[in-house]
Amino acid sequence: MTSKPQQQSHLQPTAVSAADITSEYGPFPGFDRIHGVTFDGRQVWAATGDALVAFDPSNGAVSRTLDAPSDAGTAFDGKHLYQIAESRIDKIDPSTGRVLHSIPAPADRGSNSGLTWAEGSLWVGQYRDRRILQIDPADGRVLRTIESDRFVTGVTWANDELWHGTWENEQSELRQVDPTSSEVLKRVQMPDGVVVSGLEYDGHGTFYCGGATSGKVRAVRYPKG
């Protein structure tokens, strides 16, 4: 099922707000970039390229490091981590770092960006293809396609709302989109020069945003209204 963007000239104006950045974490020693982020209920996990780094969001202290190819998005299903590793998605035991299962990523290296878990599925952001795919975590089969009008750099669900990160024309945003029509419902604009390279909602009013080559993770308050 493919949802195509609609022209929005006849729609209500999209709500736009400036990002309320409440905390910044990193750069972490030995790691100079962030590709994806997820939250396991206690720790934030950040994909750095060669390792997954877990830190305590209350103080930024690193608590775990797992060796794992991690060049794009990261997700957590309540028990396991999922990590895009070039042409595949690995299912990882966070207690040991062991890869339990792998499925093909839905596109070649460099095309996949964000990753999140919701409704028993993985959701994959695709950067230059400007779309979000719902895929079967058992075999990688594409179940649904949602189009965007911007580069997709991260994806998450905030309760029943679909959000994705963007970066285009030197400007990054967090966007809530209607998963049926692709209509943009809310926009949260990041400060100039701040890039979003991964996105995760913690279930308690905070988005965690990967900061690409800054090596930082930023906490952004969920917008009210």
Protein backbone atom coordinates (compact mmCIF):
# COMPACT_ATOMS: atom_id res chain seq x y z
CA MET A 1 0.00 0.00 0.00
CA THR A 2 1.47 3.36 -1.04
CA SER A 3 0.31 6.68 0.31
CA LYS A 4 1.18 9.62 -1.93
CA PRO A 5 1.72 13.19 -0.76
CA GLN A 6 -1.21 15.52 -1.28
CA GLN A 7 -1.11 19.13 -2.33
CA GLN A 8 -1.73 21.10 0.84
CA SER A 9 -2.95 24.43 -0.48
CA HIS A 10 -6.53 23.64 0.59
CA LEU A 11 -5.59 22.21 3.97
CA GLN A 12 -5.28 23.89 7.35
CA PRO A 13 -1.87 25.53 7.86
CA THR A 14 0.71 23.17 9.33
CA ALA A 15 1.59 23.91 12.95
CA VAL A 16 5.21 25.12 13.09
CA SER A 17 7.30 25.58 16.24
CA ALA A 18 10.96 26.01 17.16
CA ALA A 19 12.66 23.02 18.74
CA ASP A 20 12.91 23.20 22.52
CA ILE A 21 16.25 21.45 23.09
CA THR A 22 16.39 20.49 26.75
CA SER A 23 19.68 18.53 26.84
CA GLU A 24 22.72 17.68 24.73
CA TYR A 25 24.82 14.54 25.18
CA GLY A 26 28.25 13.80 23.77
CA PRO A 27 30.40 13.73 21.83
CA PHE A 28 31.32 10.43 23.42
CA PRO A 29 35.01 9.53 23.79
CA GLY A 30 36.23 7.58 20.78
CA PHE A 31 33.10 8.21 18.68
CA ASP A 32 32.70 11.23 16.43
CA ARG A 33 29.30 10.71 14.79
CA ILE A 34 25.77 9.48 15.50
CA HIS A 35 23.77 7.57 12.90
CA GLY A 36 20.70 6.32 14.78
CA VAL A 37 19.15 6.39 18.25
CA THR A 38 16.67 4.34 20.27
CA PHE A 39 15.44 4.17 23.87
CA ASP A 40 15.00 1.00 25.94
CA GLY A 41 13.07 2.53 28.82
CA ARG A 42 16.22 3.37 30.82
CA GLN A 43 19.06 4.05 28.40
CA VAL A 44 19.44 5.80 25.08
CA TRP A 45 21.36 3.75 22.51
CA ALA A 46 23.32 5.56 19.79
CA ALA A 47 24.70 3.99 16.62
CA THR A 48 28.20 5.32 15.95
CA GLY A 49 29.33 3.31 12.91
CA ASP A 50 31.32 0.55 14.59
CA ALA A 51 29.58 0.33 17.95
CA LEU A 52 26.33 0.90 19.81
CA VAL A 53 26.80 3.19 22.80
CA ALA A 54 24.24 3.26 25.63
CA PHE A 55 24.05 6.23 27.97
CA ASP A 56 21.95 7.38 30.90
CA PRO A 57 19.81 10.35 29.78
CA SER A 58 19.71 11.72 33.34
CA ASN A 59 23.44 12.52 33.29
CA GLY A 60 24.89 11.48 29.91
CA ALA A 61 27.16 8.82 31.42
CA VAL A 62 28.03 5.95 29.07
CA SER A 63 26.86 2.64 30.56
CA ARG A 64 27.41 0.12 27.76
CA THR A 65 29.25 -0.28 24.48
CA LEU A 66 28.55 -3.09 22.03
CA ASP A 67 30.68 -3.79 18.98
CA ALA A 68 28.21 -3.71 16.09
CA PRO A 69 28.22 -2.39 12.52
CA SER A 70 25.81 0.51 12.80
CA ASP A 71 25.75 2.92 9.89
CA ALA A 72 22.09 3.98 10.13
CA GLY A 73 18.95 3.63 12.27
CA THR A 74 18.47 1.74 15.53
CA ALA A 75 15.29 0.34 17.15
CA PHE A 76 14.16 -1.48 20.30
CA ASP A 77 11.17 -3.83 20.48
CA GLY A 78 10.98 -4.11 24.25
CA LYS A 79 13.53 -6.92 24.39
CA HIS A 80 15.91 -6.75 21.43
CA LEU A 81 17.81 -4.09 19.53
CA TYR A 82 17.56 -3.82 15.75
CA GLN A 83 20.35 -2.17 13.81
CA ILE A 84 20.76 -1.23 10.15
CA ALA A 85 24.18 -2.48 9.08
CA GLU A 86 24.67 -1.53 5.42
CA SER A 87 22.65 -4.09 3.40
CA ARG A 88 21.02 -5.88 6.35
CA ILE A 89 19.15 -5.30 9.60
CA ASP A 90 20.53 -7.19 12.61
CA LYS A 91 18.46 -8.31 15.60
CA ILE A 92 20.74 -8.04 18.62
CA ASP A 93 20.61 -9.34 22.18
CA PRO A 94 21.48 -6.19 24.17
CA SER A 95 22.79 -8.17 27.13
CA THR A 96 25.48 -9.94 25.07
CA GLY A 97 25.73 -8.07 21.76
CA ARG A 98 25.11 -11.34 19.90
CA VAL A 99 23.31 -11.10 16.55
CA LEU A 100 20.28 -13.40 16.77
CA HIS A 101 18.84 -12.91 13.29
CA SER A 102 19.36 -10.78 10.20
CA ILE A 103 17.07 -9.72 7.38
CA PRO A 104 17.86 -7.85 4.16
CA ALA A 105 17.57 -4.10 4.44
CA PRO A 106 15.01 -2.77 1.94
CA ALA A 107 17.57 -0.80 -0.08
CA ASP A 108 21.27 -0.66 -0.79
CA ARG A 109 23.86 0.79 1.56
CA GLY A 110 23.39 4.49 2.13
CA SER A 111 19.72 4.60 1.15
CA ASN A 112 18.28 3.49 4.50
CA SER A 113 18.35 5.99 7.34
CA GLY A 114 15.95 5.83 10.31
CA LEU A 115 14.58 2.76 12.08
CA THR A 116 11.91 2.25 14.73
CA TRP A 117 9.61 -0.42 16.12
CA ALA A 118 5.81 -0.10 16.34
CA GLU A 119 2.73 -2.29 15.88
CA GLY A 120 4.87 -5.43 15.68
CA SER A 121 6.77 -4.09 12.67
CA LEU A 122 9.97 -2.31 11.82
CA TRP A 123 9.65 1.07 10.13
CA VAL A 124 12.55 2.14 7.92
CA GLY A 125 13.23 5.68 6.77
CA GLN A 126 14.78 5.97 3.32
CA TYR A 127 16.83 9.10 2.91
CA ARG A 128 16.98 10.14 -0.73
CA ASP A 129 13.92 8.11 -1.70
CA ARG A 130 11.93 10.33 0.69
CA ARG A 131 9.77 7.60 2.11
CA ILE A 132 9.08 5.40 5.13
CA LEU A 133 8.58 1.65 4.81
CA GLN A 134 6.79 -0.67 7.22
CA ILE A 135 8.53 -4.03 7.00
CA ASP A 136 8.08 -7.52 8.43
CA PRO A 137 10.82 -8.08 11.07
CA ALA A 138 10.94 -11.80 10.26
CA ASP A 139 11.88 -11.55 6.58
CA GLY A 140 12.14 -7.87 5.57
CA ARG A 141 9.03 -7.96 3.38
CA VAL A 142 7.66 -4.47 2.70
CA LEU A 143 4.14 -4.12 4.08
CA ARG A 144 3.47 -0.45 3.45
CA THR A 145 5.04 2.64 1.90
CA ILE A 146 4.50 6.21 3.06
CA GLU A 147 5.87 8.98 0.87
CA SER A 148 7.45 12.22 2.10
CA ASP A 149 8.35 15.46 0.34
CA ARG A 150 11.66 15.81 2.22
CA PHE A 151 14.74 13.67 2.81
CA VAL A 152 13.98 11.26 5.67
CA THR A 153 16.75 11.07 8.27
CA GLY A 154 15.00 9.35 11.18
CA VAL A 155 11.63 7.86 12.03
CA THR A 156 9.66 7.19 15.22
CA TRP A 157 6.15 6.80 16.57
CA ALA A 158 5.03 9.11 19.38
CA ASN A 159 2.15 7.08 20.75
CA ASP A 160 -0.13 6.86 17.68
CA GLU A 161 1.62 9.66 15.75
CA LEU A 162 4.18 9.03 13.01
CA TRP A 163 7.14 11.43 13.08
CA HIS A 164 10.27 11.64 10.98
CA GLY A 165 13.42 13.73 10.90
CA THR A 166 14.38 15.71 7.83
CA TRP A 167 17.40 17.47 6.43
CA GLU A 168 17.29 19.46 3.22
CA ASN A 169 18.58 22.83 2.03
CA GLU A 170 20.66 23.15 5.22
CA GLN A 171 17.57 22.90 7.45
CA SER A 172 16.48 20.04 9.72
CA GLU A 173 13.03 19.48 11.15
CA LEU A 174 10.97 16.96 13.03
CA ARG A 175 7.68 16.34 11.22
CA GLN A 176 4.47 14.63 12.19
CA VAL A 177 2.83 13.12 9.12
CA ASP A 178 -0.49 11.43 8.54
CA PRO A 179 0.41 7.79 7.78
CA THR A 180 -2.54 7.49 5.37
CA SER A 181 -2.36 10.71 3.35
CA SER A 182 1.26 11.81 4.06
CA GLU A 183 -0.11 15.24 5.02
CA VAL A 184 2.34 17.14 7.24
CA LEU A 185 0.53 17.88 10.52
CA LYS A 186 3.26 19.46 12.69
CA ARG A 187 6.75 20.82 12.06
CA VAL A 188 9.43 21.37 14.68
CA GLN A 189 12.31 23.38 13.28
CA MET A 190 15.81 22.67 14.54
CA PRO A 191 18.31 25.55 14.92
CA ASP A 192 20.46 26.49 11.95
CA GLY A 193 23.35 24.10 11.50
CA VAL A 194 21.80 21.34 13.64
CA VAL A 195 21.28 18.10 11.71
CA VAL A 196 18.95 15.25 12.70
CA SER A 197 20.42 11.85 11.81
CA GLY A 198 18.19 9.59 13.90
CA LEU A 199 15.00 10.01 15.89
CA GLU A 200 13.31 8.29 18.83
CA TYR A 201 10.41 9.20 21.12
CA ASP A 202 10.73 8.03 24.72
CA GLY A 203 7.01 7.82 25.51
CA HIS A 204 7.29 10.59 28.13
CA GLY A 205 7.42 13.82 26.15
CA THR A 206 10.96 13.75 24.75
CA PHE A 207 12.42 13.10 21.30
CA TYR A 208 16.06 11.97 21.10
CA CYS A 209 17.75 13.23 17.96
CA GLY A 210 21.05 11.97 16.58
CA GLY A 211 23.38 14.77 15.58
CA ALA A 212 25.37 13.20 12.70
CA THR A 213 28.96 14.50 12.52
CA SER A 214 28.53 16.62 15.64
CA GLY A 215 28.75 13.37 17.62
CA LYS A 216 25.90 14.61 19.82
CA VAL A 217 22.46 13.39 20.79
CA ARG A 218 19.93 16.11 21.59
CA ALA A 219 16.77 15.84 23.67
CA VAL A 220 13.86 17.86 22.21
CA ARG A 221 10.63 18.46 24.08
CA TYR A 222 7.47 17.19 22.34
CA PRO A 223 5.61 20.27 21.04
CA LYS A 224 2.40 21.26 22.79
CA GLY A 225 -0.66 22.32 20.87
